[in-house]
Amino acid sequence: MLRADELEIGETRYTMRCRSESLPYPDLAVATVTHGRYAVRTNDEELRLGPGTTGRYPEAGAVHLVDDLASVFVRLPMQRVAATASARTGLPAANFHFTTMAPLSPSMALLWQSMTAFVRRQLAVNAVVASPLARAGLVDLVATTAVAVFPNTTMTVNYLPGQAGVGRAIVRRAAEFIEAHAAVPLTVGRIAEACEVSQRALQVAFQRYHGQSPMAFLRAVRLRQAHWDLQHAKPGQTVAETARRWGWTHPGRFAQAYRETYGCHPYDTLRATGVSAPAEQDR
């Protein structure tokens, strides 16, 4: 079992054929079958999965049929997923729920499987697990992908108005809060709470005055902090270690963002300091 705060990823194995019944399950649980067969049926829906397919565990009571099953599962509290959906769309978290067990399409199922494989690799790295920002980034990635992959109530709403009166002063206050707290896990909800506005209003106002979301602004701040750290590196410091410290768990994406912003590879900045650094594996 691999864990990152409230996120769990693991494997299940049933070497038999069996039938079971379950009570309603309150959280997000997604299974990707790697061997055998799995079927789940509620009063309203039935899902059948074979090797290479993905489905979501139902919130309602259900009947489960397994046949020599091996699967990879992902679990995350529904409250965390609902908060992510609310921050991105403005739908009140209390109104969020998934509407079907199957992904939107085969390509969306592949997106989920690719994301799961990436997160599992990251959680096998001790330095990633030790970083609060890296863990928070992985949790957010899983929640965001779930909202994109599985049909839910954010896909059926068409309102999402902003909050009136959120102007430049509030956005400046939010930016200052982000700058001051960039080294700790942040969510749109926490930033909005600190500024006493709704998440949706903050999203709309940030887009208006900065041309980007609060989380994109936060990533830019963390990239700038990573740049400063590399410019003032200590002996033994690595690019990968610096990236993880500022919430970048994927070395390639960090390097790409760094090149786009600073015009060079982060290793070039580190090397220019003249400090002694271990061989890098993330070029």
Protein backbone atom coordinates (compact mmCIF):
# COMPACT_ATOMS: atom_id res chain seq x y z
CA MET A 1 0.00 0.00 0.00
CA LEU A 2 1.32 3.44 -0.97
CA ARG A 3 0.04 6.57 0.80
CA ALA A 4 0.28 10.32 0.44
CA ASP A 5 -1.72 11.96 3.21
CA GLU A 6 -5.36 10.97 2.53
CA LEU A 7 -4.52 9.25 -0.79
CA GLU A 8 -4.09 5.45 -0.94
CA ILE A 9 -2.94 3.33 -3.90
CA GLY A 10 -2.55 -0.42 -3.71
CA GLU A 11 -3.31 -3.79 -5.28
CA THR A 12 -5.99 -6.42 -4.66
CA ARG A 13 -5.90 -10.11 -5.54
CA TYR A 14 -8.68 -12.70 -5.42
CA THR A 15 -7.69 -16.18 -6.60
CA MET A 16 -11.26 -17.45 -6.60
CA ARG A 17 -14.70 -16.72 -7.93
CA CYS A 18 -16.99 -15.10 -5.40
CA ARG A 19 -20.03 -12.92 -4.90
CA SER A 20 -20.43 -10.25 -2.19
CA GLU A 21 -22.67 -7.37 -1.24
CA SER A 22 -21.56 -3.97 0.02
CA LEU A 23 -23.10 -1.04 1.82
CA PRO A 24 -22.93 2.46 0.30
CA TYR A 25 -19.32 3.64 0.03
CA PRO A 26 -18.80 7.34 0.78
CA ASP A 27 -15.42 8.00 -0.85
CA LEU A 28 -13.79 7.81 -4.27
CA ALA A 29 -12.45 4.34 -5.08
CA VAL A 30 -11.32 3.41 -8.58
CA ALA A 31 -10.15 -0.01 -9.75
CA THR A 32 -8.11 -0.88 -12.85
CA VAL A 33 -8.27 -4.59 -13.61
CA THR A 34 -4.96 -6.23 -14.54
CA HIS A 35 -6.16 -9.85 -14.52
CA GLY A 36 -9.45 -11.69 -14.33
CA ARG A 37 -12.95 -10.25 -14.24
CA TYR A 38 -14.94 -7.91 -12.03
CA ALA A 39 -18.61 -6.96 -12.20
CA VAL A 40 -20.55 -4.61 -9.94
CA ARG A 41 -24.28 -3.96 -9.98
CA THR A 42 -26.44 -1.40 -8.20
CA ASN A 43 -30.18 -0.80 -8.53
CA ASP A 44 -29.48 1.70 -11.33
CA GLU A 45 -26.30 0.60 -13.07
CA GLU A 46 -24.08 -2.34 -13.95
CA LEU A 47 -20.38 -2.28 -14.78
CA ARG A 48 -18.29 -5.16 -16.14
CA LEU A 49 -14.50 -4.90 -16.20
CA GLY A 50 -11.81 -7.07 -17.77
CA PRO A 51 -8.03 -6.70 -18.05
CA GLY A 52 -6.97 -3.17 -18.94
CA THR A 53 -10.27 -1.53 -18.03
CA THR A 54 -11.13 0.91 -15.27
CA GLY A 55 -14.22 1.66 -13.21
CA ARG A 56 -15.35 3.52 -10.13
CA TYR A 57 -16.68 1.85 -7.01
CA PRO A 58 -20.34 2.89 -6.52
CA GLU A 59 -21.52 5.12 -3.69
CA ALA A 60 -24.73 3.07 -3.49
CA GLY A 61 -25.11 -0.41 -2.07
CA ALA A 62 -24.01 -2.98 -4.65
CA VAL A 63 -23.47 -6.60 -5.57
CA HIS A 64 -19.91 -7.56 -6.59
CA LEU A 65 -18.78 -10.54 -8.64
CA VAL A 66 -15.07 -11.33 -8.94
CA ASP A 67 -13.35 -14.08 -10.90
CA ASP A 68 -9.60 -14.62 -10.34
CA LEU A 69 -9.22 -10.86 -10.00
CA ALA A 70 -6.10 -8.72 -9.76
CA SER A 71 -6.49 -4.95 -9.77
CA VAL A 72 -4.87 -1.65 -8.87
CA PHE A 73 -7.05 0.58 -6.74
CA VAL A 74 -6.97 4.27 -5.85
CA ARG A 75 -8.84 5.71 -2.86
CA LEU A 76 -9.39 9.33 -1.91
CA PRO A 77 -11.98 10.97 0.38
CA MET A 78 -14.92 12.31 -1.62
CA GLN A 79 -14.70 15.54 0.35
CA ARG A 80 -11.27 16.14 -1.16
CA VAL A 81 -12.54 15.49 -4.69
CA ALA A 82 -15.59 17.70 -4.18
CA ALA A 83 -13.41 20.55 -2.92
CA THR A 84 -11.24 20.29 -6.03
CA ALA A 85 -14.29 20.28 -8.29
CA SER A 86 -15.71 23.30 -6.47
CA ALA A 87 -12.46 25.24 -6.76
CA ARG A 88 -12.28 24.62 -10.49
CA THR A 89 -15.91 25.13 -11.46
CA GLY A 90 -17.68 27.02 -8.68
CA LEU A 91 -20.18 24.24 -8.08
CA PRO A 92 -20.83 24.06 -4.32
CA ALA A 93 -18.99 21.06 -2.90
CA ALA A 94 -22.22 19.82 -1.31
CA ASN A 95 -23.73 19.52 -4.81
CA PHE A 96 -20.91 17.44 -6.24
CA HIS A 97 -21.27 13.75 -6.94
CA PHE A 98 -20.32 11.27 -9.64
CA THR A 99 -23.14 10.12 -11.88
CA THR A 100 -21.86 6.86 -13.38
CA MET A 101 -19.23 4.23 -12.60
CA ALA A 102 -17.57 4.08 -16.02
CA PRO A 103 -15.11 6.67 -17.39
CA LEU A 104 -16.31 9.15 -20.01
CA SER A 105 -14.48 7.30 -22.79
CA PRO A 106 -11.69 4.75 -23.41
CA SER A 107 -9.22 7.63 -23.81
CA MET A 108 -10.25 8.99 -20.42
CA ALA A 109 -9.73 5.53 -18.92
CA LEU A 110 -6.21 5.52 -20.37
CA LEU A 111 -5.62 8.96 -18.86
CA TRP A 112 -6.59 7.60 -15.44
CA GLN A 113 -4.33 4.59 -15.84
CA SER A 114 -1.39 6.75 -16.94
CA MET A 115 -1.93 9.08 -13.98
CA THR A 116 -2.12 6.12 -11.57
CA ALA A 117 1.14 4.66 -12.88
CA PHE A 118 2.87 8.02 -12.51
CA VAL A 119 1.64 8.55 -8.95
CA ARG A 120 2.67 5.01 -7.94
CA ARG A 121 6.18 5.64 -9.24
CA GLN A 122 6.38 8.90 -7.36
CA LEU A 123 5.17 7.39 -4.08
CA ALA A 124 7.91 4.78 -4.30
CA VAL A 125 10.50 7.57 -3.97
CA ASN A 126 11.24 8.37 -0.33
CA ALA A 127 12.16 11.97 -1.08
CA VAL A 128 8.76 12.56 -2.68
CA VAL A 129 6.88 11.02 0.24
CA ALA A 130 8.91 13.19 2.64
CA SER A 131 7.92 16.42 0.86
CA PRO A 132 4.59 17.96 1.97
CA LEU A 133 4.36 19.96 -1.26
CA ALA A 134 5.04 16.92 -3.43
CA ARG A 135 2.43 14.87 -1.59
CA ALA A 136 -0.13 17.66 -1.88
CA GLY A 137 0.58 17.93 -5.60
CA LEU A 138 -0.03 14.22 -6.10
CA VAL A 139 -3.29 14.32 -4.14
CA ASP A 140 -4.46 17.27 -6.24
CA LEU A 141 -3.48 15.45 -9.44
CA VAL A 142 -5.59 12.42 -8.50
CA ALA A 143 -8.59 14.56 -7.51
CA THR A 144 -8.36 16.70 -10.65
CA THR A 145 -8.05 13.67 -12.91
CA ALA A 146 -11.04 11.99 -11.26
CA VAL A 147 -13.21 15.04 -11.95
CA ALA A 148 -12.10 15.00 -15.60
CA VAL A 149 -12.39 11.24 -16.17
CA PHE A 150 -15.64 10.19 -14.48
CA PRO A 151 -19.04 11.77 -15.29
CA ASN A 152 -20.18 14.05 -12.48
CA THR A 153 -22.41 16.99 -11.67
CA THR A 154 -19.85 19.62 -12.74
CA MET A 155 -20.50 18.46 -16.30
CA THR A 156 -24.21 19.26 -16.14
CA VAL A 157 -24.16 22.78 -14.67
CA ASN A 158 -24.04 25.92 -16.79
CA TYR A 159 -24.10 28.79 -14.35
CA LEU A 160 -21.02 29.31 -12.13
CA PRO A 161 -21.24 33.10 -11.67
CA GLY A 162 -18.49 35.07 -9.97
CA GLN A 163 -18.91 37.00 -6.72
CA ALA A 164 -19.50 40.68 -7.27
CA GLY A 165 -17.08 43.21 -5.88
CA VAL A 166 -13.89 41.14 -5.95
CA GLY A 167 -11.40 43.66 -7.23
CA ARG A 168 -7.71 44.26 -7.59
CA ALA A 169 -7.15 44.79 -3.84
CA ILE A 170 -8.43 41.30 -3.02
CA VAL A 171 -6.32 39.78 -5.77
CA ARG A 172 -3.26 41.63 -4.44
CA ARG A 173 -4.04 40.31 -0.96
CA ALA A 174 -4.33 36.77 -2.34
CA ALA A 175 -1.06 37.12 -4.21
CA GLU A 176 0.70 38.30 -1.05
CA PHE A 177 -0.76 35.34 0.86
CA ILE A 178 0.50 32.94 -1.80
CA GLU A 179 3.96 34.50 -1.74
CA ALA A 180 4.12 34.22 2.05
CA HIS A 181 2.90 30.61 2.18
CA ALA A 182 4.40 29.11 -0.99
CA ALA A 183 6.48 26.66 1.04
CA VAL A 184 3.44 24.92 2.56
CA PRO A 185 0.60 22.98 0.88
CA LEU A 186 -2.02 25.41 -0.42
CA THR A 187 -5.41 25.00 -2.04
CA VAL A 188 -7.68 27.52 -3.69
CA GLY A 189 -10.03 27.03 -0.77
CA ARG A 190 -7.42 28.02 1.79
CA ILE A 191 -6.37 31.08 -0.23
CA ALA A 192 -9.98 32.17 -0.68
CA GLU A 193 -10.70 31.67 3.01
CA ALA A 194 -7.73 33.86 3.93
CA CYS A 195 -9.11 36.60 1.67
CA GLU A 196 -12.72 36.09 2.83
CA VAL A 197 -14.12 35.48 -0.66
CA SER A 198 -15.56 32.46 -2.44
CA GLN A 199 -13.29 30.14 -4.36
CA ARG A 200 -15.08 30.84 -7.63
CA ALA A 201 -14.87 34.60 -7.11
CA LEU A 202 -11.15 34.34 -6.49
CA GLN A 203 -10.70 32.24 -9.63
CA VAL A 204 -12.59 34.76 -11.75
CA ALA A 205 -10.77 37.76 -10.29
CA PHE A 206 -7.33 36.18 -10.68
CA GLN A 207 -8.08 35.38 -14.30
CA ARG A 208 -9.19 38.97 -14.84
CA TYR A 209 -6.16 40.66 -13.28
CA HIS A 210 -3.39 38.09 -13.74
CA GLY A 211 -4.56 36.14 -16.75
CA GLN A 212 -4.13 32.86 -14.86
CA SER A 213 -5.60 30.87 -11.99
CA PRO A 214 -4.41 31.19 -8.37
CA MET A 215 -2.78 27.75 -8.62
CA ALA A 216 -0.93 28.72 -11.79
CA PHE A 217 0.30 31.82 -9.95
CA LEU A 218 1.39 29.59 -7.06
CA ARG A 219 3.34 27.32 -9.42
CA ALA A 220 5.10 30.36 -10.86
CA VAL A 221 6.03 31.55 -7.36
CA ARG A 222 7.40 28.12 -6.46
CA LEU A 223 9.34 27.98 -9.72
CA ARG A 224 10.91 31.33 -8.87
CA GLN A 225 11.81 30.05 -5.40
CA ALA A 226 13.38 26.94 -6.93
CA HIS A 227 15.38 29.18 -9.28
CA TRP A 228 16.65 31.18 -6.30
CA ASP A 229 17.59 27.98 -4.46
CA LEU A 230 19.57 26.73 -7.45
CA GLN A 231 21.36 30.07 -7.75
CA HIS A 232 22.36 29.78 -4.07
CA ALA A 233 22.92 26.03 -4.00
CA LYS A 234 24.81 24.24 -1.27
CA PRO A 235 27.30 21.41 -1.90
CA GLY A 236 25.49 18.19 -2.71
CA GLN A 237 22.26 19.88 -3.77
CA THR A 238 20.51 18.41 -6.84
CA VAL A 239 17.93 19.68 -9.30
CA ALA A 240 15.52 16.86 -8.44
CA GLU A 241 15.77 17.57 -4.72
CA THR A 242 15.18 21.29 -5.31
CA ALA A 243 12.21 20.62 -7.58
CA ARG A 244 10.58 18.34 -5.01
CA ARG A 245 11.13 20.88 -2.25
CA TRP A 246 8.95 23.29 -4.24
CA GLY A 247 6.27 20.78 -5.19
CA TRP A 248 7.47 19.64 -8.63
CA THR A 249 7.33 15.83 -8.63
CA HIS A 250 7.98 15.35 -12.35
CA PRO A 251 11.59 16.33 -13.26
CA GLY A 252 10.82 16.66 -16.95
CA ARG A 253 7.92 19.07 -16.40
CA PHE A 254 10.00 21.08 -13.96
CA ALA A 255 12.84 21.31 -16.48
CA GLN A 256 10.44 22.35 -19.26
CA ALA A 257 8.82 25.06 -17.13
CA TYR A 258 12.25 26.22 -16.01
CA ARG A 259 13.56 26.46 -19.58
CA GLU A 260 10.47 28.35 -20.72
CA THR A 261 10.91 30.87 -17.91
CA TYR A 262 14.67 31.20 -17.56
CA GLY A 263 15.96 30.06 -20.95
CA CYS A 264 18.20 27.28 -19.67
CA HIS A 265 18.08 23.88 -18.02
CA PRO A 266 17.96 24.02 -14.20
CA TYR A 267 21.15 21.96 -14.09
CA ASP A 268 22.94 24.75 -15.95
CA THR A 269 21.97 27.17 -13.17
CA LEU A 270 23.17 24.73 -10.54
CA ARG A 271 26.45 24.10 -12.36
CA ALA A 272 27.09 27.84 -12.69
CA THR A 273 27.27 28.15 -8.90
CA GLY A 274 30.42 26.03 -8.90
CA VAL A 275 29.28 23.87 -5.98
CA SER A 276 29.94 20.15 -5.90
CA ALA A 277 26.75 18.30 -6.87
CA PRO A 278 26.00 14.59 -7.39
CA ALA A 279 25.35 13.32 -10.91
CA GLU A 280 21.85 14.25 -12.01
CA GLN A 281 19.36 11.71 -13.33
CA ASP A 282 16.66 14.13 -14.45
CA ARG A 283 18.18 15.83 -17.48
